[in-house]
Each structure stands twice: as structure tokens, then as C-alpha cells.
Amino acid sequence: MTGEFPAIHIDHIDGVTSNNKWSNLRQATPSQNAQNRRLYKNNTSGHKGICYHPGKKKWIAVLRAKEQKLSKAFKELEQAVEWMKQARLAMHGEFARFS
């Protein structure tokens, strides 16, 4: 639409790859594009980066970006979800996706 090919990848803001409306597209690095992925089908917590560890009886939240890795254990799922939202916003900014 601009008359030239994008310099880097194109990301679908809403995560729906068939939604190619101009307002839903933005340029993104491969890392930013990965940060905007949806939940994996085998996710059991309903939240990206959070899983239950039966041995520890805690919810484990793990966030990775580039060379950074953050992780923390929580007794309650809601605590893990809130921590993950804040960490994603801080690390991923506008490319943060929570579910």
C-alpha cells in the first residue's frame, strides 16, 4: 500500500493472519512478531508463559526475550497472571499479548 516492501517482518496486531486490513498491520522484528503469538493449543493454564508445577505445588511464570529470562513461582494463578502482565508490558511493550 505504501509502494514499497517492508524492511522487516509484518505483524498482525490482533494475531489473526487472515485479517489483512491496513489498520491491523505493522512492521515488526522477528522477535517482536514472536512476542505477539497466541496461546499454544497444549496450554493448560489459559495464560501465556504460565504452567502448574505439581511437585512444587505452585504456578510458574516464565518470560523470555532476547537474552533476558524472568521467572517466578506463585501459590495462586491470579498472582502469576498479574505478575506476567506487568512483566510483558515492561519487556514487550506494544507487542505484549496476554492470551
N, C-alpha and C. Protein backbone atom coordinates (compact mmCIF):
# COMPACT_ATOMS: atom_id res chain seq x y z
N MET A 1 0.80 -1.19 0.00
CA MET A 1 0.00 0.00 0.00
C MET A 1 0.85 1.26 0.00
N THR A 2 2.09 1.14 0.47
CA THR A 2 2.95 2.32 0.51
C THR A 2 3.81 2.43 -0.74
N GLY A 3 3.75 1.40 -1.60
CA GLY A 3 4.55 1.41 -2.83
C GLY A 3 5.90 0.75 -2.68
N GLU A 4 6.23 0.24 -1.49
CA GLU A 4 7.49 -0.46 -1.29
C GLU A 4 7.29 -1.61 -0.31
N PHE A 5 8.17 -2.60 -0.39
CA PHE A 5 8.11 -3.74 0.52
C PHE A 5 8.63 -3.32 1.89
N PRO A 6 8.09 -3.92 2.96
CA PRO A 6 8.56 -3.57 4.31
C PRO A 6 10.02 -4.00 4.50
N ALA A 7 10.74 -3.23 5.30
CA ALA A 7 12.15 -3.53 5.56
C ALA A 7 12.30 -4.76 6.45
N ILE A 8 11.30 -5.00 7.30
CA ILE A 8 11.34 -6.15 8.21
C ILE A 8 10.03 -6.91 8.11
N HIS A 9 9.72 -7.73 9.08
CA HIS A 9 8.50 -8.55 9.06
C HIS A 9 7.24 -7.71 9.23
N ILE A 10 6.12 -8.30 8.86
CA ILE A 10 4.81 -7.69 9.08
C ILE A 10 4.10 -8.48 10.17
N ASP A 11 3.55 -7.78 11.14
CA ASP A 11 2.86 -8.40 12.27
C ASP A 11 1.38 -8.04 12.19
N HIS A 12 0.53 -9.02 12.47
CA HIS A 12 -0.91 -8.78 12.56
C HIS A 12 -1.23 -8.44 14.01
N ILE A 13 -1.64 -7.24 14.28
CA ILE A 13 -1.84 -6.75 15.64
C ILE A 13 -2.79 -7.65 16.42
N ASP A 14 -3.89 -8.07 15.82
CA ASP A 14 -4.86 -8.90 16.52
C ASP A 14 -4.51 -10.39 16.49
N GLY A 15 -3.43 -10.76 15.81
CA GLY A 15 -3.00 -12.15 15.75
C GLY A 15 -3.73 -12.99 14.74
N VAL A 16 -4.68 -12.42 14.03
CA VAL A 16 -5.46 -13.15 13.02
C VAL A 16 -4.78 -12.93 11.67
N THR A 17 -4.11 -13.95 11.16
CA THR A 17 -3.31 -13.80 9.94
C THR A 17 -4.14 -13.55 8.69
N SER A 18 -5.42 -13.85 8.74
CA SER A 18 -6.27 -13.58 7.58
C SER A 18 -6.83 -12.15 7.59
N ASN A 19 -6.63 -11.43 8.69
CA ASN A 19 -7.11 -10.06 8.79
C ASN A 19 -6.02 -9.12 8.28
N ASN A 20 -6.04 -8.84 6.99
CA ASN A 20 -5.00 -8.01 6.37
C ASN A 20 -5.43 -6.57 6.17
N LYS A 21 -6.32 -6.09 7.02
CA LYS A 21 -6.69 -4.68 6.96
C LYS A 21 -5.46 -3.84 7.29
N TRP A 22 -5.32 -2.74 6.61
CA TRP A 22 -4.17 -1.86 6.80
C TRP A 22 -4.00 -1.46 8.27
N SER A 23 -5.12 -1.22 8.96
CA SER A 23 -5.07 -0.81 10.36
C SER A 23 -4.63 -1.94 11.30
N ASN A 24 -4.59 -3.18 10.81
CA ASN A 24 -4.20 -4.33 11.63
C ASN A 24 -2.76 -4.75 11.37
N LEU A 25 -2.05 -4.08 10.51
CA LEU A 25 -0.68 -4.47 10.15
C LEU A 25 0.33 -3.46 10.67
N ARG A 26 1.49 -3.98 11.07
CA ARG A 26 2.59 -3.11 11.49
C ARG A 26 3.91 -3.83 11.22
N GLN A 27 4.97 -3.06 11.04
CA GLN A 27 6.28 -3.66 10.87
C GLN A 27 6.77 -4.15 12.22
N ALA A 28 7.49 -5.27 12.20
CA ALA A 28 8.00 -5.86 13.44
C ALA A 28 9.25 -6.66 13.14
N THR A 29 10.13 -6.72 14.11
CA THR A 29 11.29 -7.59 14.01
C THR A 29 10.80 -9.03 14.24
N PRO A 30 11.59 -10.03 13.91
CA PRO A 30 11.17 -11.41 14.20
C PRO A 30 10.89 -11.62 15.69
N SER A 31 11.67 -11.00 16.55
CA SER A 31 11.46 -11.12 17.99
C SER A 31 10.13 -10.49 18.41
N GLN A 32 9.83 -9.32 17.91
CA GLN A 32 8.56 -8.67 18.23
C GLN A 32 7.38 -9.48 17.71
N ASN A 33 7.52 -10.04 16.53
CA ASN A 33 6.47 -10.87 15.96
C ASN A 33 6.21 -12.09 16.84
N ALA A 34 7.27 -12.69 17.38
CA ALA A 34 7.13 -13.85 18.26
C ALA A 34 6.45 -13.47 19.58
N GLN A 35 6.68 -12.27 20.06
CA GLN A 35 6.08 -11.82 21.32
C GLN A 35 4.57 -11.69 21.19
N ASN A 36 4.09 -11.52 19.99
CA ASN A 36 2.67 -11.32 19.74
C ASN A 36 1.95 -12.63 19.38
N ARG A 37 2.59 -13.78 19.61
CA ARG A 37 1.96 -15.07 19.32
C ARG A 37 0.80 -15.34 20.26
N ARG A 38 -0.11 -16.17 19.75
CA ARG A 38 -1.26 -16.60 20.56
C ARG A 38 -0.85 -17.76 21.47
N LEU A 39 -1.78 -18.19 22.31
CA LEU A 39 -1.55 -19.35 23.18
C LEU A 39 -1.30 -20.60 22.36
N TYR A 40 -0.43 -21.45 22.84
CA TYR A 40 -0.26 -22.76 22.22
C TYR A 40 -1.48 -23.62 22.54
N LYS A 41 -1.82 -24.53 21.65
CA LYS A 41 -3.00 -25.38 21.84
C LYS A 41 -2.89 -26.27 23.07
N ASN A 42 -1.66 -26.63 23.47
CA ASN A 42 -1.50 -27.52 24.62
C ASN A 42 -1.38 -26.76 25.95
N ASN A 43 -1.63 -25.46 25.95
CA ASN A 43 -1.56 -24.66 27.17
C ASN A 43 -2.69 -25.08 28.11
N THR A 44 -2.34 -25.32 29.39
CA THR A 44 -3.34 -25.77 30.36
C THR A 44 -3.77 -24.70 31.35
N SER A 45 -3.01 -23.61 31.46
CA SER A 45 -3.36 -22.56 32.42
C SER A 45 -4.30 -21.53 31.82
N GLY A 46 -4.32 -21.42 30.49
CA GLY A 46 -5.12 -20.39 29.84
C GLY A 46 -4.38 -19.08 29.72
N HIS A 47 -3.10 -19.06 30.10
CA HIS A 47 -2.29 -17.84 30.07
C HIS A 47 -0.90 -18.15 29.53
N LYS A 48 -0.42 -17.27 28.66
CA LYS A 48 0.90 -17.48 28.06
C LYS A 48 1.99 -17.46 29.12
N GLY A 49 2.90 -18.43 29.05
CA GLY A 49 4.07 -18.45 29.91
C GLY A 49 3.84 -18.90 31.33
N ILE A 50 2.65 -19.42 31.63
CA ILE A 50 2.33 -19.85 32.99
C ILE A 50 1.90 -21.31 32.98
N CYS A 51 2.52 -22.11 33.85
CA CYS A 51 2.14 -23.52 33.97
C CYS A 51 2.18 -23.92 35.45
N TYR A 52 1.51 -25.02 35.75
CA TYR A 52 1.48 -25.51 37.13
C TYR A 52 2.56 -26.56 37.32
N HIS A 53 3.31 -26.44 38.42
CA HIS A 53 4.35 -27.42 38.75
C HIS A 53 3.84 -28.25 39.92
N PRO A 54 3.40 -29.50 39.66
CA PRO A 54 2.79 -30.30 40.72
C PRO A 54 3.75 -30.62 41.87
N GLY A 55 5.03 -30.78 41.59
CA GLY A 55 6.00 -31.09 42.65
C GLY A 55 6.14 -29.95 43.64
N LYS A 56 6.17 -28.74 43.13
CA LYS A 56 6.28 -27.55 43.99
C LYS A 56 4.93 -27.05 44.45
N LYS A 57 3.86 -27.53 43.81
CA LYS A 57 2.50 -27.09 44.08
C LYS A 57 2.39 -25.57 43.92
N LYS A 58 2.99 -25.09 42.85
CA LYS A 58 2.97 -23.65 42.56
C LYS A 58 2.80 -23.42 41.07
N TRP A 59 2.33 -22.22 40.74
CA TRP A 59 2.24 -21.77 39.36
C TRP A 59 3.57 -21.11 39.01
N ILE A 60 4.16 -21.52 37.90
CA ILE A 60 5.44 -20.98 37.47
C ILE A 60 5.21 -20.07 36.26
N ALA A 61 5.70 -18.85 36.36
CA ALA A 61 5.59 -17.87 35.27
C ALA A 61 6.99 -17.65 34.71
N VAL A 62 7.14 -17.83 33.40
CA VAL A 62 8.45 -17.67 32.74
C VAL A 62 8.28 -16.77 31.53
N LEU A 63 9.15 -15.78 31.43
CA LEU A 63 9.13 -14.84 30.32
C LEU A 63 10.53 -14.70 29.77
N ARG A 64 10.66 -14.89 28.45
CA ARG A 64 11.96 -14.76 27.79
C ARG A 64 11.86 -13.76 26.65
N ALA A 65 12.92 -12.99 26.49
CA ALA A 65 13.04 -12.08 25.35
C ALA A 65 14.51 -11.80 25.15
N LYS A 66 14.96 -12.10 23.93
CA LYS A 66 16.37 -11.96 23.59
C LYS A 66 17.20 -12.72 24.60
N GLU A 67 18.14 -12.09 25.31
CA GLU A 67 18.96 -12.81 26.29
C GLU A 67 18.39 -12.74 27.69
N GLN A 68 17.26 -12.09 27.87
CA GLN A 68 16.66 -11.95 29.19
C GLN A 68 15.71 -13.10 29.50
N LYS A 69 15.71 -13.52 30.76
CA LYS A 69 14.76 -14.53 31.21
C LYS A 69 14.31 -14.15 32.61
N LEU A 70 13.01 -14.04 32.79
CA LEU A 70 12.42 -13.77 34.10
C LEU A 70 11.56 -14.95 34.48
N SER A 71 11.62 -15.37 35.73
CA SER A 71 10.74 -16.44 36.19
C SER A 71 10.44 -16.25 37.67
N LYS A 72 9.26 -16.71 38.04
CA LYS A 72 8.83 -16.57 39.43
C LYS A 72 7.76 -17.61 39.72
N ALA A 73 7.69 -18.08 40.96
CA ALA A 73 6.70 -19.07 41.37
C ALA A 73 5.65 -18.40 42.27
N PHE A 74 4.39 -18.84 42.11
CA PHE A 74 3.28 -18.26 42.86
C PHE A 74 2.36 -19.35 43.38
N LYS A 75 1.76 -19.13 44.53
CA LYS A 75 0.79 -20.08 45.07
C LYS A 75 -0.53 -19.99 44.32
N GLU A 76 -0.91 -18.78 43.91
CA GLU A 76 -2.20 -18.56 43.25
C GLU A 76 -2.00 -18.19 41.78
N LEU A 77 -2.84 -18.73 40.93
CA LEU A 77 -2.78 -18.44 39.50
C LEU A 77 -2.96 -16.95 39.24
N GLU A 78 -3.88 -16.32 39.95
CA GLU A 78 -4.15 -14.90 39.73
C GLU A 78 -2.91 -14.03 39.97
N GLN A 79 -2.10 -14.41 40.96
CA GLN A 79 -0.86 -13.68 41.24
C GLN A 79 0.11 -13.83 40.07
N ALA A 80 0.22 -15.03 39.54
CA ALA A 80 1.11 -15.29 38.41
C ALA A 80 0.66 -14.51 37.18
N VAL A 81 -0.64 -14.47 36.95
CA VAL A 81 -1.19 -13.75 35.80
C VAL A 81 -0.88 -12.25 35.91
N GLU A 82 -1.10 -11.67 37.06
CA GLU A 82 -0.84 -10.23 37.24
C GLU A 82 0.65 -9.91 37.08
N TRP A 83 1.51 -10.75 37.66
CA TRP A 83 2.96 -10.55 37.52
C TRP A 83 3.36 -10.62 36.04
N MET A 84 2.81 -11.62 35.33
CA MET A 84 3.15 -11.82 33.92
C MET A 84 2.68 -10.63 33.09
N LYS A 85 1.50 -10.10 33.36
CA LYS A 85 1.01 -8.93 32.61
C LYS A 85 1.97 -7.75 32.76
N GLN A 86 2.39 -7.49 33.99
CA GLN A 86 3.29 -6.37 34.23
C GLN A 86 4.65 -6.61 33.58
N ALA A 87 5.16 -7.83 33.67
CA ALA A 87 6.46 -8.16 33.07
C ALA A 87 6.40 -8.07 31.54
N ARG A 88 5.32 -8.57 30.93
CA ARG A 88 5.17 -8.49 29.47
C ARG A 88 5.09 -7.04 29.00
N LEU A 89 4.32 -6.22 29.70
CA LEU A 89 4.24 -4.81 29.31
C LEU A 89 5.61 -4.14 29.39
N ALA A 90 6.35 -4.44 30.44
CA ALA A 90 7.67 -3.83 30.61
C ALA A 90 8.67 -4.32 29.57
N MET A 91 8.61 -5.62 29.24
CA MET A 91 9.60 -6.20 28.34
C MET A 91 9.19 -6.11 26.86
N HIS A 92 7.90 -6.27 26.57
CA HIS A 92 7.44 -6.35 25.18
C HIS A 92 6.72 -5.10 24.68
N GLY A 93 6.29 -4.26 25.59
CA GLY A 93 5.62 -3.02 25.19
C GLY A 93 4.37 -3.27 24.37
N GLU A 94 4.25 -2.57 23.23
CA GLU A 94 3.04 -2.68 22.42
C GLU A 94 2.85 -4.05 21.79
N PHE A 95 3.87 -4.91 21.81
CA PHE A 95 3.76 -6.24 21.22
C PHE A 95 3.35 -7.29 22.26
N ALA A 96 3.10 -6.88 23.48
CA ALA A 96 2.69 -7.81 24.53
C ALA A 96 1.33 -8.40 24.22
N ARG A 97 1.22 -9.72 24.36
CA ARG A 97 -0.06 -10.41 24.20
C ARG A 97 -0.21 -11.29 25.44
N PHE A 98 -1.39 -11.25 26.05
CA PHE A 98 -1.59 -11.94 27.32
C PHE A 98 -2.30 -13.27 27.19
N SER A 99 -3.00 -13.50 26.09
CA SER A 99 -3.67 -14.78 25.90
C SER A 99 -3.77 -15.10 24.44
